[in-house]
Amino acid sequence: MSVTCDEGPGDLVIAARLALFVLHSTIPESEKSPQPETQYFTEEGIKSADQIVSHLARFPTPVKCRLELRRGELHLSVKPGAAFPGIRNSLLGFLGSRRPPLRDDSQIVCRANGRLFVVPLAAFREWERSYQIEGNFRAAADFADSDYAKVQGFTRQEIAGAEAVVVFGGGKPVRSFSFRVPRINKKAK
């Protein structure tokens, strides 16, 4: 299992790197390519992971992102997304109802495809606001010291110093939560 922790770049760059990390969780494990995830096919041509992150960080947000595997190649599409009102019950928002709110510098441990990515809460919130992940997207979150984190197999070393964990692309089902997204396009009467 590999661990990635970005130190130094701003929240926009970390959020863009998290978007690419999460996009990989939308491809079913059975369809994964044995090739390394180092090049992406886009409308502008072939790009490296670092070029994709740079592109996502500069793209006006919010954006819709989709990653697809076609003939063993990773194809990424990025299009302008629709702004939607802030949602109080975001992926980590419900945690605040059980304990004091998380701080912007709280560390969040994200897992997808057996890999970990540690991000500050401020960057995670930027990711939630800026990137609309399309495809087979699933996620669950809880506190780092919760039973959920233990059942998901997080080790003490992996969650040391973290406030919360987020599992993208499934994981072992324990419990889930859901929230309603306000309707944006109301039908004219």
N, C-alpha and C. Protein backbone atom coordinates (compact mmCIF):
# COMPACT_ATOMS: atom_id res chain seq x y z
N MET A 1 0.85 -1.17 0.00
CA MET A 1 0.00 0.00 0.00
C MET A 1 0.89 1.23 0.00
N SER A 2 0.62 2.18 -0.89
CA SER A 2 1.43 3.38 -0.94
C SER A 2 0.70 4.54 -0.29
N VAL A 3 1.46 5.44 0.32
CA VAL A 3 0.90 6.60 0.99
C VAL A 3 1.45 7.84 0.32
N THR A 4 0.59 8.79 0.02
CA THR A 4 1.00 10.05 -0.58
C THR A 4 0.55 11.17 0.34
N CYS A 5 1.43 12.08 0.63
CA CYS A 5 1.07 13.25 1.45
C CYS A 5 1.68 14.47 0.80
N ASP A 6 0.87 15.35 0.26
CA ASP A 6 1.37 16.57 -0.36
C ASP A 6 1.59 17.61 0.72
N GLU A 7 2.80 18.12 0.77
CA GLU A 7 3.10 19.20 1.70
C GLU A 7 3.59 20.37 0.87
N GLY A 8 3.06 21.53 1.11
CA GLY A 8 3.54 22.70 0.42
C GLY A 8 2.56 23.30 -0.58
N PRO A 9 2.02 22.52 -1.54
CA PRO A 9 1.16 23.16 -2.53
C PRO A 9 -0.12 23.67 -1.90
N GLY A 10 -0.71 24.64 -2.56
CA GLY A 10 -1.95 25.21 -2.07
C GLY A 10 -3.10 24.24 -2.14
N ASP A 11 -4.21 24.64 -1.50
CA ASP A 11 -5.39 23.78 -1.44
C ASP A 11 -5.94 23.43 -2.82
N LEU A 12 -5.82 24.36 -3.79
CA LEU A 12 -6.32 24.08 -5.14
C LEU A 12 -5.57 22.92 -5.79
N VAL A 13 -4.26 22.90 -5.64
CA VAL A 13 -3.45 21.84 -6.23
C VAL A 13 -3.71 20.52 -5.51
N ILE A 14 -3.81 20.55 -4.20
CA ILE A 14 -4.09 19.33 -3.44
C ILE A 14 -5.47 18.81 -3.80
N ALA A 15 -6.46 19.71 -3.94
CA ALA A 15 -7.81 19.31 -4.32
C ALA A 15 -7.81 18.68 -5.71
N ALA A 16 -7.03 19.24 -6.64
CA ALA A 16 -6.94 18.68 -8.00
C ALA A 16 -6.29 17.30 -7.96
N ARG A 17 -5.26 17.14 -7.15
CA ARG A 17 -4.60 15.83 -7.02
C ARG A 17 -5.58 14.82 -6.39
N LEU A 18 -6.38 15.27 -5.43
CA LEU A 18 -7.39 14.40 -4.82
C LEU A 18 -8.44 14.02 -5.86
N ALA A 19 -8.83 14.95 -6.73
CA ALA A 19 -9.80 14.64 -7.79
C ALA A 19 -9.29 13.51 -8.67
N LEU A 20 -8.04 13.57 -9.08
CA LEU A 20 -7.47 12.51 -9.91
C LEU A 20 -7.40 11.20 -9.14
N PHE A 21 -7.03 11.27 -7.87
CA PHE A 21 -6.98 10.09 -7.00
C PHE A 21 -8.37 9.44 -6.91
N VAL A 22 -9.40 10.25 -6.70
CA VAL A 22 -10.77 9.75 -6.58
C VAL A 22 -11.29 9.21 -7.91
N LEU A 23 -10.93 9.87 -9.01
CA LEU A 23 -11.38 9.40 -10.32
C LEU A 23 -10.98 7.96 -10.58
N HIS A 24 -9.83 7.56 -10.10
CA HIS A 24 -9.38 6.17 -10.28
C HIS A 24 -10.29 5.18 -9.57
N SER A 25 -10.98 5.63 -8.52
CA SER A 25 -11.87 4.73 -7.79
C SER A 25 -13.17 4.46 -8.56
N THR A 26 -13.42 5.22 -9.63
CA THR A 26 -14.66 5.03 -10.39
C THR A 26 -14.54 3.89 -11.40
N ILE A 27 -13.34 3.42 -11.63
CA ILE A 27 -13.14 2.31 -12.56
C ILE A 27 -13.18 1.01 -11.75
N PRO A 28 -14.10 0.11 -12.09
CA PRO A 28 -14.18 -1.15 -11.34
C PRO A 28 -12.86 -1.91 -11.34
N GLU A 29 -12.55 -2.53 -10.22
CA GLU A 29 -11.30 -3.28 -10.07
C GLU A 29 -11.13 -4.32 -11.18
N SER A 30 -12.23 -4.94 -11.60
CA SER A 30 -12.16 -5.98 -12.63
C SER A 30 -11.75 -5.41 -14.00
N GLU A 31 -11.87 -4.09 -14.18
CA GLU A 31 -11.53 -3.48 -15.46
C GLU A 31 -10.20 -2.75 -15.42
N LYS A 32 -9.50 -2.80 -14.30
CA LYS A 32 -8.24 -2.06 -14.18
C LYS A 32 -7.23 -2.56 -15.20
N SER A 33 -6.48 -1.63 -15.71
CA SER A 33 -5.42 -1.95 -16.65
C SER A 33 -4.17 -2.35 -15.88
N PRO A 34 -3.44 -3.34 -16.38
CA PRO A 34 -2.20 -3.71 -15.71
C PRO A 34 -1.11 -2.67 -15.91
N GLN A 35 -1.32 -1.72 -16.84
CA GLN A 35 -0.32 -0.70 -17.11
C GLN A 35 -0.34 0.36 -16.01
N PRO A 36 0.81 0.97 -15.76
CA PRO A 36 0.85 2.02 -14.73
C PRO A 36 -0.02 3.21 -15.13
N GLU A 37 -0.56 3.87 -14.13
CA GLU A 37 -1.46 5.01 -14.35
C GLU A 37 -0.63 6.28 -14.52
N THR A 38 0.15 6.34 -15.60
CA THR A 38 1.05 7.47 -15.78
C THR A 38 0.70 8.35 -16.96
N GLN A 39 -0.17 7.87 -17.85
CA GLN A 39 -0.56 8.72 -18.96
C GLN A 39 -2.07 8.67 -19.16
N TYR A 40 -2.59 9.85 -19.53
CA TYR A 40 -4.03 10.01 -19.67
C TYR A 40 -4.31 10.60 -21.05
N PHE A 41 -5.33 10.08 -21.71
CA PHE A 41 -5.73 10.59 -23.01
C PHE A 41 -6.83 11.62 -22.78
N THR A 42 -6.62 12.82 -23.31
CA THR A 42 -7.59 13.90 -23.16
C THR A 42 -7.87 14.47 -24.55
N GLU A 43 -8.78 15.42 -24.62
CA GLU A 43 -9.07 16.09 -25.90
C GLU A 43 -7.85 16.85 -26.41
N GLU A 44 -6.97 17.26 -25.50
CA GLU A 44 -5.77 18.01 -25.88
C GLU A 44 -4.58 17.09 -26.16
N GLY A 45 -4.74 15.79 -26.02
CA GLY A 45 -3.64 14.86 -26.26
C GLY A 45 -3.30 14.06 -25.02
N ILE A 46 -2.16 13.41 -25.05
CA ILE A 46 -1.71 12.57 -23.94
C ILE A 46 -1.04 13.45 -22.89
N LYS A 47 -1.42 13.24 -21.63
CA LYS A 47 -0.85 14.04 -20.53
C LYS A 47 -0.41 13.12 -19.40
N SER A 48 0.56 13.60 -18.64
CA SER A 48 1.02 12.88 -17.44
C SER A 48 0.10 13.23 -16.28
N ALA A 49 0.23 12.50 -15.18
CA ALA A 49 -0.57 12.78 -13.99
C ALA A 49 -0.31 14.21 -13.49
N ASP A 50 0.94 14.64 -13.47
CA ASP A 50 1.26 16.00 -13.00
C ASP A 50 0.65 17.05 -13.92
N GLN A 51 0.65 16.80 -15.24
CA GLN A 51 0.03 17.74 -16.17
C GLN A 51 -1.48 17.81 -15.96
N ILE A 52 -2.09 16.67 -15.66
CA ILE A 52 -3.53 16.64 -15.39
C ILE A 52 -3.85 17.44 -14.14
N VAL A 53 -3.07 17.25 -13.09
CA VAL A 53 -3.29 17.98 -11.84
C VAL A 53 -3.17 19.48 -12.09
N SER A 54 -2.15 19.90 -12.82
CA SER A 54 -1.97 21.32 -13.15
C SER A 54 -3.16 21.86 -13.92
N HIS A 55 -3.60 21.08 -14.89
CA HIS A 55 -4.75 21.48 -15.72
C HIS A 55 -6.01 21.62 -14.85
N LEU A 56 -6.27 20.63 -14.00
CA LEU A 56 -7.45 20.68 -13.13
C LEU A 56 -7.39 21.87 -12.18
N ALA A 57 -6.22 22.16 -11.64
CA ALA A 57 -6.07 23.26 -10.67
C ALA A 57 -6.31 24.62 -11.34
N ARG A 58 -6.02 24.74 -12.64
CA ARG A 58 -6.20 26.01 -13.36
C ARG A 58 -7.58 26.14 -13.99
N PHE A 59 -8.29 25.04 -14.18
CA PHE A 59 -9.58 25.04 -14.85
C PHE A 59 -10.60 25.76 -13.98
N PRO A 60 -11.44 26.64 -14.57
CA PRO A 60 -12.48 27.30 -13.77
C PRO A 60 -13.43 26.26 -13.17
N THR A 61 -13.70 26.38 -11.91
CA THR A 61 -14.55 25.39 -11.23
C THR A 61 -15.93 25.98 -10.98
N PRO A 62 -16.93 25.15 -10.78
CA PRO A 62 -16.86 23.69 -10.65
C PRO A 62 -16.74 23.01 -12.02
N VAL A 63 -16.17 21.79 -11.99
CA VAL A 63 -16.02 21.00 -13.21
C VAL A 63 -16.58 19.60 -13.01
N LYS A 64 -17.01 19.01 -14.12
CA LYS A 64 -17.43 17.61 -14.13
C LYS A 64 -16.25 16.81 -14.68
N CYS A 65 -15.89 15.75 -13.99
CA CYS A 65 -14.76 14.93 -14.41
C CYS A 65 -15.20 13.48 -14.56
N ARG A 66 -14.69 12.83 -15.58
CA ARG A 66 -14.97 11.41 -15.80
C ARG A 66 -13.69 10.75 -16.29
N LEU A 67 -13.40 9.58 -15.70
CA LEU A 67 -12.25 8.78 -16.12
C LEU A 67 -12.80 7.45 -16.61
N GLU A 68 -12.42 7.07 -17.82
CA GLU A 68 -12.90 5.81 -18.40
C GLU A 68 -11.72 5.02 -18.92
N LEU A 69 -11.86 3.71 -18.86
CA LEU A 69 -10.86 2.81 -19.42
C LEU A 69 -11.39 2.31 -20.75
N ARG A 70 -10.67 2.66 -21.83
CA ARG A 70 -11.07 2.22 -23.18
C ARG A 70 -9.86 1.55 -23.83
N ARG A 71 -10.05 0.30 -24.20
CA ARG A 71 -8.98 -0.47 -24.84
C ARG A 71 -7.66 -0.37 -24.06
N GLY A 72 -7.76 -0.43 -22.75
CA GLY A 72 -6.57 -0.40 -21.90
C GLY A 72 -5.97 0.98 -21.69
N GLU A 73 -6.63 2.03 -22.19
CA GLU A 73 -6.12 3.39 -22.05
C GLU A 73 -7.05 4.20 -21.15
N LEU A 74 -6.47 5.05 -20.33
CA LEU A 74 -7.25 5.91 -19.44
C LEU A 74 -7.63 7.19 -20.19
N HIS A 75 -8.93 7.42 -20.33
CA HIS A 75 -9.42 8.62 -21.01
C HIS A 75 -10.10 9.52 -19.98
N LEU A 76 -9.65 10.76 -19.92
CA LEU A 76 -10.18 11.73 -18.96
C LEU A 76 -10.93 12.82 -19.69
N SER A 77 -12.13 13.11 -19.23
CA SER A 77 -12.86 14.26 -19.77
C SER A 77 -13.15 15.22 -18.63
N VAL A 78 -12.97 16.50 -18.91
CA VAL A 78 -13.20 17.57 -17.94
C VAL A 78 -14.05 18.62 -18.64
N LYS A 79 -15.21 18.90 -18.06
CA LYS A 79 -16.14 19.87 -18.65
C LYS A 79 -16.63 20.81 -17.55
N PRO A 80 -17.07 22.00 -17.95
CA PRO A 80 -17.62 22.91 -16.94
C PRO A 80 -18.81 22.25 -16.23
N GLY A 81 -18.86 22.42 -14.94
CA GLY A 81 -19.95 21.87 -14.14
C GLY A 81 -20.93 22.96 -13.76
N ALA A 82 -22.04 22.55 -13.22
CA ALA A 82 -23.06 23.50 -12.77
C ALA A 82 -22.85 23.79 -11.29
N ALA A 83 -22.88 25.04 -10.95
CA ALA A 83 -22.76 25.40 -9.55
C ALA A 83 -24.03 24.98 -8.83
N PHE A 84 -23.87 24.49 -7.62
CA PHE A 84 -25.04 24.16 -6.83
C PHE A 84 -24.87 24.74 -5.45
N PRO A 85 -25.98 25.03 -4.78
CA PRO A 85 -25.90 25.67 -3.46
C PRO A 85 -25.09 24.82 -2.49
N GLY A 86 -24.44 25.50 -1.56
CA GLY A 86 -23.68 24.78 -0.54
C GLY A 86 -24.55 23.78 0.19
N ILE A 87 -24.01 22.63 0.43
CA ILE A 87 -24.75 21.57 1.11
C ILE A 87 -24.16 21.39 2.50
N ARG A 88 -24.95 21.61 3.52
CA ARG A 88 -24.44 21.48 4.88
C ARG A 88 -24.03 20.05 5.18
N ASN A 89 -24.72 19.09 4.61
CA ASN A 89 -24.43 17.69 4.88
C ASN A 89 -23.45 17.13 3.85
N SER A 90 -22.30 17.76 3.73
CA SER A 90 -21.29 17.27 2.81
C SER A 90 -20.74 15.95 3.35
N LEU A 91 -19.80 15.36 2.61
CA LEU A 91 -19.26 14.07 2.99
C LEU A 91 -18.74 14.07 4.43
N LEU A 92 -18.09 15.14 4.84
CA LEU A 92 -17.58 15.22 6.21
C LEU A 92 -18.45 16.08 7.11
N GLY A 93 -19.42 16.79 6.53
CA GLY A 93 -20.25 17.70 7.31
C GLY A 93 -21.02 17.03 8.44
N PHE A 94 -21.46 15.79 8.21
CA PHE A 94 -22.24 15.11 9.23
C PHE A 94 -21.41 14.78 10.47
N LEU A 95 -20.09 14.76 10.35
CA LEU A 95 -19.26 14.45 11.51
C LEU A 95 -19.38 15.53 12.58
N GLY A 96 -19.60 16.77 12.16
CA GLY A 96 -19.71 17.88 13.09
C GLY A 96 -20.88 17.75 14.05
N SER A 97 -21.86 16.94 13.68
CA SER A 97 -23.02 16.77 14.56
C SER A 97 -22.70 15.84 15.73
N ARG A 98 -21.60 15.13 15.65
CA ARG A 98 -21.27 14.17 16.70
C ARG A 98 -20.12 14.63 17.59
N ARG A 99 -19.34 15.56 17.14
CA ARG A 99 -18.21 16.10 17.89
C ARG A 99 -18.03 17.56 17.49
N PRO A 100 -17.13 18.26 18.16
CA PRO A 100 -16.85 19.63 17.70
C PRO A 100 -16.40 19.61 16.24
N PRO A 101 -16.66 20.69 15.51
CA PRO A 101 -16.29 20.72 14.09
C PRO A 101 -14.80 20.48 13.87
N LEU A 102 -14.48 19.90 12.73
CA LEU A 102 -13.09 19.69 12.35
C LEU A 102 -12.47 21.04 12.01
N ARG A 103 -11.18 21.18 12.26
CA ARG A 103 -10.45 22.40 11.92
C ARG A 103 -9.95 22.31 10.48
N ASP A 104 -9.72 23.46 9.83
CA ASP A 104 -9.24 23.45 8.44
C ASP A 104 -7.92 22.70 8.27
N ASP A 105 -7.10 22.68 9.33
CA ASP A 105 -5.82 21.97 9.22
C ASP A 105 -5.92 20.50 9.66
N SER A 106 -7.13 20.04 9.99
CA SER A 106 -7.32 18.63 10.36
C SER A 106 -6.91 17.76 9.17
N GLN A 107 -6.22 16.67 9.46
CA GLN A 107 -5.79 15.75 8.40
C GLN A 107 -6.88 14.72 8.11
N ILE A 108 -7.14 14.49 6.83
CA ILE A 108 -8.12 13.53 6.37
C ILE A 108 -7.37 12.44 5.61
N VAL A 109 -7.54 11.19 6.00
CA VAL A 109 -6.90 10.08 5.29
C VAL A 109 -7.92 9.51 4.31
N CYS A 110 -7.58 9.57 3.02
CA CYS A 110 -8.46 9.07 1.97
C CYS A 110 -7.88 7.77 1.42
N ARG A 111 -8.77 6.80 1.17
CA ARG A 111 -8.33 5.53 0.59
C ARG A 111 -9.13 5.25 -0.67
N ALA A 112 -8.41 4.83 -1.70
CA ALA A 112 -9.03 4.39 -2.95
C ALA A 112 -8.07 3.39 -3.61
N ASN A 113 -8.60 2.27 -4.02
CA ASN A 113 -7.80 1.27 -4.74
C ASN A 113 -6.56 0.83 -3.96
N GLY A 114 -6.69 0.72 -2.64
CA GLY A 114 -5.56 0.26 -1.83
C GLY A 114 -4.48 1.29 -1.61
N ARG A 115 -4.71 2.52 -2.07
CA ARG A 115 -3.73 3.59 -1.87
C ARG A 115 -4.30 4.62 -0.91
N LEU A 116 -3.42 5.29 -0.20
CA LEU A 116 -3.82 6.33 0.74
C LEU A 116 -3.33 7.68 0.27
N PHE A 117 -4.13 8.71 0.58
CA PHE A 117 -3.76 10.08 0.26
C PHE A 117 -4.21 10.92 1.45
N VAL A 118 -3.28 11.62 2.08
CA VAL A 118 -3.57 12.43 3.27
C VAL A 118 -3.66 13.89 2.85
N VAL A 119 -4.80 14.52 3.18
CA VAL A 119 -5.01 15.91 2.78
C VAL A 119 -5.55 16.71 3.97
N PRO A 120 -5.28 18.01 4.01
CA PRO A 120 -5.89 18.84 5.04
C PRO A 120 -7.38 19.06 4.72
N LEU A 121 -8.17 19.28 5.74
CA LEU A 121 -9.60 19.47 5.56
C LEU A 121 -9.91 20.60 4.58
N ALA A 122 -9.16 21.69 4.62
CA ALA A 122 -9.42 22.81 3.71
C ALA A 122 -9.33 22.36 2.25
N ALA A 123 -8.36 21.54 1.91
CA ALA A 123 -8.22 21.03 0.54
C ALA A 123 -9.34 20.06 0.22
N PHE A 124 -9.76 19.25 1.20
CA PHE A 124 -10.86 18.32 0.97
C PHE A 124 -12.15 19.09 0.67
N ARG A 125 -12.39 20.15 1.43
CA ARG A 125 -13.58 20.98 1.17
C ARG A 125 -13.51 21.62 -0.20
N GLU A 126 -12.33 22.06 -0.60
CA GLU A 126 -12.15 22.64 -1.95
C GLU A 126 -12.47 21.59 -3.01
N TRP A 127 -12.04 20.35 -2.80
CA TRP A 127 -12.35 19.26 -3.73
C TRP A 127 -13.87 19.07 -3.81
N GLU A 128 -14.56 19.05 -2.66
CA GLU A 128 -16.02 18.85 -2.67
C GLU A 128 -16.74 19.97 -3.45
N ARG A 129 -16.25 21.21 -3.32
CA ARG A 129 -16.88 22.35 -4.00
C ARG A 129 -16.57 22.36 -5.49
N SER A 130 -15.38 21.92 -5.87
CA SER A 130 -14.88 22.15 -7.22
C SER A 130 -15.04 21.01 -8.21
N TYR A 131 -15.06 19.76 -7.71
CA TYR A 131 -15.01 18.62 -8.63
C TYR A 131 -16.23 17.73 -8.48
N GLN A 132 -16.97 17.59 -9.57
CA GLN A 132 -18.13 16.71 -9.62
C GLN A 132 -17.69 15.45 -10.35
N ILE A 133 -17.55 14.38 -9.61
CA ILE A 133 -17.04 13.13 -10.15
C ILE A 133 -18.18 12.37 -10.80
N GLU A 134 -18.01 12.02 -12.07
CA GLU A 134 -19.02 11.26 -12.79
C GLU A 134 -18.57 9.81 -12.91
N GLY A 135 -19.53 8.94 -13.09
CA GLY A 135 -19.21 7.52 -13.21
C GLY A 135 -19.66 6.78 -11.96
N ASN A 136 -19.06 5.65 -11.72
CA ASN A 136 -19.42 4.80 -10.58
C ASN A 136 -18.74 5.32 -9.31
N PHE A 137 -19.25 6.44 -8.79
CA PHE A 137 -18.63 7.11 -7.65
C PHE A 137 -19.33 6.74 -6.35
N ARG A 138 -18.57 6.24 -5.40
CA ARG A 138 -19.08 5.93 -4.06
C ARG A 138 -18.07 6.39 -3.04
N ALA A 139 -18.57 6.80 -1.88
CA ALA A 139 -17.68 7.24 -0.81
C ALA A 139 -18.38 7.10 0.54
N ALA A 140 -17.59 6.89 1.59
CA ALA A 140 -18.09 6.84 2.96
C ALA A 140 -17.03 7.47 3.85
N ALA A 141 -17.47 8.08 4.95
CA ALA A 141 -16.53 8.77 5.83
C ALA A 141 -16.93 8.59 7.29
N ASP A 142 -15.94 8.69 8.16
CA ASP A 142 -16.19 8.67 9.60
C ASP A 142 -14.92 9.17 10.30
N PHE A 143 -14.99 9.27 11.63
CA PHE A 143 -13.83 9.69 12.39
C PHE A 143 -12.72 8.64 12.31
N ALA A 144 -11.48 9.08 12.43
CA ALA A 144 -10.34 8.17 12.33
C ALA A 144 -10.33 7.14 13.46
N ASP A 145 -10.89 7.47 14.61
CA ASP A 145 -10.88 6.54 15.75
C ASP A 145 -12.20 5.75 15.87
N SER A 146 -12.97 5.72 14.80
CA SER A 146 -14.29 5.06 14.84
C SER A 146 -14.18 3.56 14.56
N ASP A 147 -15.27 2.87 14.87
CA ASP A 147 -15.36 1.45 14.51
C ASP A 147 -15.30 1.28 13.01
N TYR A 148 -15.89 2.22 12.28
CA TYR A 148 -15.86 2.15 10.81
C TYR A 148 -14.42 2.07 10.31
N ALA A 149 -13.55 2.95 10.83
CA ALA A 149 -12.15 2.96 10.39
C ALA A 149 -11.48 1.62 10.71
N LYS A 150 -11.80 1.05 11.87
CA LYS A 150 -11.22 -0.26 12.23
C LYS A 150 -11.70 -1.35 11.30
N VAL A 151 -13.01 -1.37 11.00
CA VAL A 151 -13.57 -2.40 10.12
C VAL A 151 -12.98 -2.27 8.71
N GLN A 152 -12.70 -1.05 8.28
CA GLN A 152 -12.11 -0.84 6.95
C GLN A 152 -10.64 -1.22 6.91
N GLY A 153 -10.06 -1.55 8.06
CA GLY A 153 -8.68 -2.03 8.09
C GLY A 153 -7.61 -0.97 8.18
N PHE A 154 -7.99 0.26 8.54
CA PHE A 154 -6.97 1.30 8.71
C PHE A 154 -6.10 0.94 9.91
N THR A 155 -4.80 1.05 9.76
CA THR A 155 -3.88 0.76 10.86
C THR A 155 -3.62 2.03 11.66
N ARG A 156 -3.07 1.85 12.84
CA ARG A 156 -2.75 3.03 13.68
C ARG A 156 -1.76 3.95 12.98
N GLN A 157 -0.80 3.35 12.27
CA GLN A 157 0.19 4.16 11.56
C GLN A 157 -0.48 4.98 10.44
N GLU A 158 -1.44 4.39 9.75
CA GLU A 158 -2.10 5.08 8.65
C GLU A 158 -2.95 6.26 9.12
N ILE A 159 -3.54 6.15 10.29
CA ILE A 159 -4.43 7.21 10.76
C ILE A 159 -3.81 8.09 11.84
N ALA A 160 -2.52 7.89 12.14
CA ALA A 160 -1.86 8.69 13.17
C ALA A 160 -1.99 10.18 12.83
N GLY A 161 -2.54 10.95 13.75
CA GLY A 161 -2.70 12.39 13.58
C GLY A 161 -3.90 12.80 12.73
N ALA A 162 -4.62 11.85 12.19
CA ALA A 162 -5.77 12.17 11.33
C ALA A 162 -7.03 12.33 12.18
N GLU A 163 -7.94 13.16 11.70
CA GLU A 163 -9.23 13.36 12.36
C GLU A 163 -10.32 12.49 11.76
N ALA A 164 -10.21 12.24 10.43
CA ALA A 164 -11.27 11.50 9.73
C ALA A 164 -10.66 10.61 8.65
N VAL A 165 -11.46 9.62 8.24
CA VAL A 165 -11.08 8.75 7.12
C VAL A 165 -12.21 8.79 6.09
N VAL A 166 -11.83 8.69 4.83
CA VAL A 166 -12.80 8.63 3.73
C VAL A 166 -12.38 7.46 2.84
N VAL A 167 -13.34 6.60 2.53
CA VAL A 167 -13.09 5.47 1.65
C VAL A 167 -13.85 5.71 0.36
N PHE A 168 -13.11 5.76 -0.75
CA PHE A 168 -13.71 5.95 -2.07
C PHE A 168 -13.77 4.61 -2.79
N GLY A 169 -14.83 4.42 -3.54
CA GLY A 169 -14.94 3.23 -4.37
C GLY A 169 -15.39 2.00 -3.63
N GLY A 170 -16.02 2.19 -2.51
CA GLY A 170 -16.57 1.03 -1.82
C GLY A 170 -15.94 0.82 -0.47
N GLY A 171 -15.36 -0.34 -0.29
CA GLY A 171 -14.89 -0.73 1.02
C GLY A 171 -15.86 -1.72 1.60
N LYS A 172 -15.59 -2.17 2.79
CA LYS A 172 -16.48 -3.12 3.44
C LYS A 172 -17.71 -2.38 3.95
N PRO A 173 -18.91 -2.81 3.58
CA PRO A 173 -20.10 -2.09 4.03
C PRO A 173 -20.32 -2.24 5.53
N VAL A 174 -20.50 -1.13 6.19
CA VAL A 174 -20.78 -1.13 7.62
C VAL A 174 -22.06 -0.35 7.85
N ARG A 175 -22.06 0.87 7.44
CA ARG A 175 -23.25 1.72 7.49
C ARG A 175 -23.05 2.82 6.46
N SER A 176 -24.10 3.46 6.11
CA SER A 176 -23.97 4.53 5.14
C SER A 176 -24.88 5.67 5.55
N PHE A 177 -24.69 6.79 4.93
CA PHE A 177 -25.56 7.94 5.16
C PHE A 177 -25.88 8.50 3.79
N SER A 178 -26.93 9.24 3.74
CA SER A 178 -27.27 9.90 2.48
C SER A 178 -27.89 11.24 2.80
N PHE A 179 -27.90 12.09 1.81
CA PHE A 179 -28.54 13.39 1.96
C PHE A 179 -29.14 13.77 0.62
N ARG A 180 -30.13 14.63 0.69
CA ARG A 180 -30.80 15.07 -0.53
C ARG A 180 -30.10 16.30 -1.06
N VAL A 181 -29.89 16.32 -2.36
CA VAL A 181 -29.32 17.48 -3.03
C VAL A 181 -30.49 18.34 -3.49
N PRO A 182 -30.47 19.64 -3.16
CA PRO A 182 -31.57 20.49 -3.58
C PRO A 182 -31.72 20.50 -5.09
N ARG A 183 -32.96 20.51 -5.55
CA ARG A 183 -33.22 20.54 -6.99
C ARG A 183 -32.83 21.91 -7.53
N ILE A 184 -32.05 21.92 -8.59
CA ILE A 184 -31.56 23.16 -9.15
C ILE A 184 -32.51 23.69 -10.23
N ASN A 185 -32.89 22.83 -11.15
CA ASN A 185 -33.74 23.25 -12.26
C ASN A 185 -35.19 22.90 -11.94
N LYS A 186 -35.90 23.87 -11.44
CA LYS A 186 -37.31 23.65 -11.14
C LYS A 186 -38.12 23.83 -12.42
N LYS A 187 -39.11 22.99 -12.60
CA LYS A 187 -39.97 23.08 -13.77
C LYS A 187 -40.82 24.33 -13.70
N ALA A 188 -40.93 24.99 -14.83
CA ALA A 188 -41.77 26.19 -14.91
C ALA A 188 -43.25 25.76 -14.88
N LYS A 189 -44.04 26.52 -14.19
CA LYS A 189 -45.48 26.19 -14.09
C LYS A 189 -46.25 26.78 -15.23
